[in-house]
Protein backbone atom coordinates (compact mmCIF):
# COMPACT_ATOMS: atom_id res chain seq x y z
CA UNK A 1 69.62 109.02 66.33
CA UNK A 2 72.40 111.73 66.70
CA UNK A 3 71.12 112.30 69.50
CA UNK A 4 70.95 108.76 70.96
CA UNK A 5 74.83 108.14 69.39
CA UNK A 6 75.59 110.99 71.77
CA UNK A 7 74.00 110.21 74.71
CA UNK A 8 76.57 107.08 74.12
CA UNK A 9 79.40 109.34 73.29
CA UNK A 10 78.51 111.09 76.56
CA UNK A 11 78.21 107.80 78.57
CA UNK A 12 81.46 106.44 77.33
CA UNK A 13 83.63 109.36 78.77
CA UNK A 14 81.51 109.46 81.82
CA UNK A 15 81.92 106.04 82.56
CA UNK A 16 85.73 106.33 83.83
CA UNK A 17 84.80 108.65 86.05
CA UNK A 18 82.98 106.23 88.26
CA UNK A 19 86.08 104.32 89.01
CA UNK A 20 87.04 107.47 91.11
CA UNK A 21 83.98 107.40 93.27
CA UNK A 22 86.11 105.38 96.43
CA UNK A 23 89.22 106.57 98.08
CA UNK A 24 92.06 105.08 97.53
CA UNK A 25 92.24 102.68 99.95
CA UNK A 26 89.14 101.83 99.58
CA UNK A 27 90.22 100.94 96.44
CA UNK A 28 92.80 98.68 97.30
CA UNK A 29 90.09 96.94 100.72
CA UNK A 30 87.48 96.79 98.14
CA UNK A 31 89.98 94.73 95.60
CA UNK A 32 91.44 92.31 98.61
CA UNK A 33 87.89 91.17 99.18
CA UNK A 34 87.18 90.58 95.67
CA UNK A 35 90.61 88.56 95.23
CA UNK A 36 89.59 86.58 98.51
CA UNK A 37 85.65 86.03 96.74
CA UNK A 38 87.10 85.52 93.13
CA UNK A 39 89.47 82.90 94.89
CA UNK A 40 85.73 80.54 95.50
CA UNK A 41 84.67 78.18 93.28
CA UNK A 42 85.96 75.86 89.61
CA UNK A 43 86.82 79.78 88.48
CA UNK A 44 88.54 80.43 91.16
CA UNK A 45 90.69 77.18 91.01
CA UNK A 46 91.10 78.15 87.52
CA UNK A 47 92.46 81.62 88.53
CA UNK A 48 95.03 80.45 91.18
CA UNK A 49 96.04 78.44 88.95
CA UNK A 50 97.80 81.16 86.22
CA UNK A 51 97.98 83.84 89.04
CA UNK A 52 100.69 81.55 90.33
CA UNK A 53 102.89 82.06 86.90
CA UNK A 54 101.12 85.89 86.30
CA UNK A 55 103.91 88.61 86.23
CA UNK A 56 100.86 91.28 87.82
CA UNK A 57 97.84 91.22 88.22
CA UNK A 58 94.67 94.29 88.04
CA UNK A 59 91.77 93.40 90.17
CA UNK A 60 88.96 95.76 89.26
CA UNK A 61 86.12 94.85 92.25
CA UNK A 62 83.12 96.32 91.21
CA UNK A 63 82.59 97.53 87.16
CA UNK A 64 78.37 98.65 87.23
CA UNK A 65 77.48 98.13 84.05
CA UNK A 66 74.19 99.41 82.51
CA UNK A 67 72.87 100.00 79.18
CA UNK A 68 68.96 99.96 77.67
CA UNK A 69 69.74 101.28 73.98
CA UNK A 70 73.06 103.04 75.01
CA UNK A 71 75.17 101.76 78.00
CA UNK A 72 78.67 101.87 79.36
CA UNK A 73 80.74 100.48 82.22
CA UNK A 74 82.90 101.54 84.73
CA UNK A 75 84.52 101.32 87.61
CA UNK A 76 87.94 101.85 90.04
CA UNK A 77 90.84 99.16 89.29
CA UNK A 78 94.77 98.38 91.08
CA UNK A 79 97.83 96.89 89.45
CA UNK A 80 100.07 95.01 91.60
CA UNK A 81 103.43 93.20 90.03
CA UNK A 82 105.18 90.42 90.97
CA UNK A 83 108.77 90.88 92.63
CA UNK A 84 112.11 88.70 91.76
CA UNK A 85 111.92 87.59 95.08
CA UNK A 86 108.52 86.28 94.42
CA UNK A 87 106.42 88.90 96.73
CA UNK A 88 104.41 91.39 94.96
CA UNK A 89 104.22 95.45 94.98
CA UNK A 90 102.14 98.13 96.31
CA UNK A 91 99.15 99.19 94.21
CA UNK A 92 98.69 101.64 91.39
CA UNK A 93 95.54 102.57 90.18
CA UNK A 94 93.31 102.50 87.03
CA UNK A 95 90.30 102.71 85.68
CA UNK A 96 88.06 100.75 83.50
CA UNK A 97 85.53 102.50 81.17
CA UNK A 98 83.22 102.38 77.68
CA UNK A 99 80.51 102.69 76.43
CA UNK A 100 78.09 100.43 73.52
CA UNK A 101 75.06 101.06 71.56
CA UNK A 102 72.76 98.80 70.52
CA UNK A 103 69.78 96.95 71.70
CA UNK A 104 70.13 95.88 74.96
CA UNK A 105 69.10 96.29 78.46
CA UNK A 106 69.91 94.84 82.07
CA UNK A 107 72.54 96.33 85.14
CA UNK A 108 75.38 94.63 85.69
CA UNK A 109 78.32 94.16 88.69
CA UNK A 110 81.34 92.29 88.13
CA UNK A 111 84.22 91.59 90.04
CA UNK A 112 87.11 91.00 86.91
CA UNK A 113 90.72 90.31 87.66
CA UNK A 114 92.56 90.69 85.17
CA UNK A 115 96.36 88.43 84.96
CA UNK A 116 98.89 89.72 83.31
CA UNK A 117 101.09 86.61 81.59
CA UNK A 118 103.64 88.55 79.69
CA UNK A 119 106.24 91.32 79.90
CA UNK A 120 104.55 92.52 76.48
CA UNK A 121 101.30 92.66 78.22
CA UNK A 122 102.71 94.85 81.26
CA UNK A 123 104.39 96.91 79.66
CA UNK A 124 100.96 97.53 77.36
CA UNK A 125 98.86 98.13 80.13
CA UNK A 126 101.68 100.69 82.17
CA UNK A 127 100.90 103.44 79.43
CA UNK A 128 98.63 105.61 80.35
CA UNK A 129 95.56 104.66 78.31
CA UNK A 130 95.34 100.78 77.30
CA UNK A 131 92.90 99.50 74.97
CA UNK A 132 91.65 96.09 75.57
CA UNK A 133 91.84 94.15 72.23
CA UNK A 134 93.03 97.00 70.84
CA UNK A 135 97.10 95.57 70.27
CA UNK A 136 97.33 93.22 67.33
CA UNK A 137 100.19 91.24 69.13
CA UNK A 138 98.76 91.57 72.15
CA UNK A 139 96.76 87.93 72.72
CA UNK A 140 94.12 88.53 75.00
CA UNK A 141 91.51 85.81 76.61
CA UNK A 142 88.78 85.46 78.59
CA UNK A 143 87.58 83.06 80.90
CA UNK A 144 85.44 83.36 83.72
CA UNK A 145 81.38 83.23 85.02
CA UNK A 146 78.94 82.83 82.40
CA UNK A 147 82.11 82.87 79.37
CA UNK A 148 83.24 80.47 77.18
CA UNK A 149 87.30 80.67 76.37
CA UNK A 150 89.81 78.09 74.81
CA UNK A 151 92.18 76.21 77.49
CA UNK A 152 94.71 76.40 74.39
CA UNK A 153 94.43 80.24 73.70
CA UNK A 154 94.44 80.84 77.84
CA UNK A 155 98.06 79.36 77.58
CA UNK A 156 99.15 81.10 75.27
CA UNK A 157 97.96 84.55 76.35
CA UNK A 158 99.02 87.60 77.21
CA UNK A 159 96.27 88.97 79.22
CA UNK A 160 93.86 86.72 81.08
CA UNK A 161 90.69 88.04 82.30
CA UNK A 162 88.28 86.51 84.90
CA UNK A 163 85.13 87.48 85.90
CA UNK A 164 82.22 87.12 89.01
CA UNK A 165 79.23 88.75 88.05
CA UNK A 166 76.01 89.44 89.06
CA UNK A 167 73.15 91.05 86.87
CA UNK A 168 71.31 90.22 83.86
CA UNK A 169 73.97 89.88 81.29
CA UNK A 170 75.57 86.62 80.60
CA UNK A 171 79.38 87.49 81.56
CA UNK A 172 81.82 90.15 80.78
CA UNK A 173 83.73 90.64 77.62
CA UNK A 174 86.30 93.89 78.35
CA UNK A 175 86.80 94.09 74.77
CA UNK A 176 87.29 97.77 73.94
CA UNK A 177 86.83 98.89 77.22
CA UNK A 178 90.33 101.24 77.79
CA UNK A 179 92.41 100.94 80.73
CA UNK A 180 93.71 104.23 82.47
CA UNK A 181 95.80 105.41 85.05
CA UNK A 182 94.91 107.19 87.96
CA UNK A 183 97.51 109.29 89.03
CA UNK A 184 95.88 111.33 90.76
CA UNK A 185 94.98 108.04 93.20
CA UNK A 186 98.27 107.76 93.30
CA UNK A 187 100.11 110.61 94.62
CA UNK A 188 97.06 111.00 96.96
CA UNK A 189 98.48 107.14 98.02
CA UNK A 190 101.93 107.37 98.28
CA UNK A 191 102.41 111.62 98.70
CA UNK A 192 106.19 111.54 95.68
CA UNK A 193 105.44 108.95 93.60
CA UNK A 194 103.06 109.86 90.71
CA UNK A 195 104.08 106.74 88.31
CA UNK A 196 102.44 103.97 87.96
CA UNK A 197 106.27 102.46 86.45
CA UNK A 198 107.81 103.32 89.86
CA UNK A 199 105.32 101.10 91.30
CA UNK A 200 104.11 98.35 90.18
CA UNK A 201 107.90 97.81 88.21
CA UNK A 202 110.27 100.10 90.55
CA UNK A 203 108.83 98.74 93.81
CA UNK A 204 109.42 102.55 94.88
CA UNK A 205 105.73 102.19 96.30
CA UNK A 206 104.31 101.86 99.74
CA UNK A 207 101.77 101.97 102.15
CA UNK A 208 101.67 99.96 104.58
CA UNK A 209 96.93 99.67 104.06
CA UNK A 210 98.21 97.98 100.89
CA UNK A 211 99.82 95.15 103.45
CA UNK A 212 96.26 93.07 103.30
CA UNK A 213 96.34 92.87 99.63
CA UNK A 214 99.88 92.44 99.19
CA UNK A 215 99.38 88.86 101.75
CA UNK A 216 96.55 87.66 99.88
CA UNK A 217 98.28 87.87 96.16
CA UNK A 218 100.52 85.57 98.31
CA UNK A 219 98.55 83.20 100.18
CA UNK A 220 96.98 82.67 96.37
CA UNK A 221 99.10 83.90 93.82
CA UNK A 222 102.68 82.57 95.63
């Protein structure tokens, strides 16, 4: 039992590292395609309605989750915020990871979209690490493929999560997952800008490679 618990702990620690398998530009490109894919279907229509009111968005184009007795999930994400004039910032870079222990078996790839609806939610995610569901002052509502959510809860939520999944699990819950800023990817992508708040709030990041992502957000999010 101790060995299994140790293995689960190690897996949880390694899961965020899966976020950095792609280069920053590859992650931005994958996020652009994932956003377009997630706007299809009924869930996409629902997500688009909220996206038009969101202050920021986190896109995780490929969250890989696997488990047999112990498990974990991980992948890279980008965060983009809405500017005062309605345009979108360049992306900050994050990794999403978690570990779990229990009777489970399966493999799943998921595209995850987190819509940040309030200033409180945005400020929480701008911390170097944010554990989803751990802040009692924030409400996180989960909607999307395979996951049921209350619309009344969603209307008042600080953060809304949508997912598009393939695999053996019946949906994605991000409760307990840790979103960690990747300052190294930001340094690589922008040069001297290494702070997520500088990029998404002060709009100081600028890389033409992010223009297709920003255009896609403008198309669906106004």
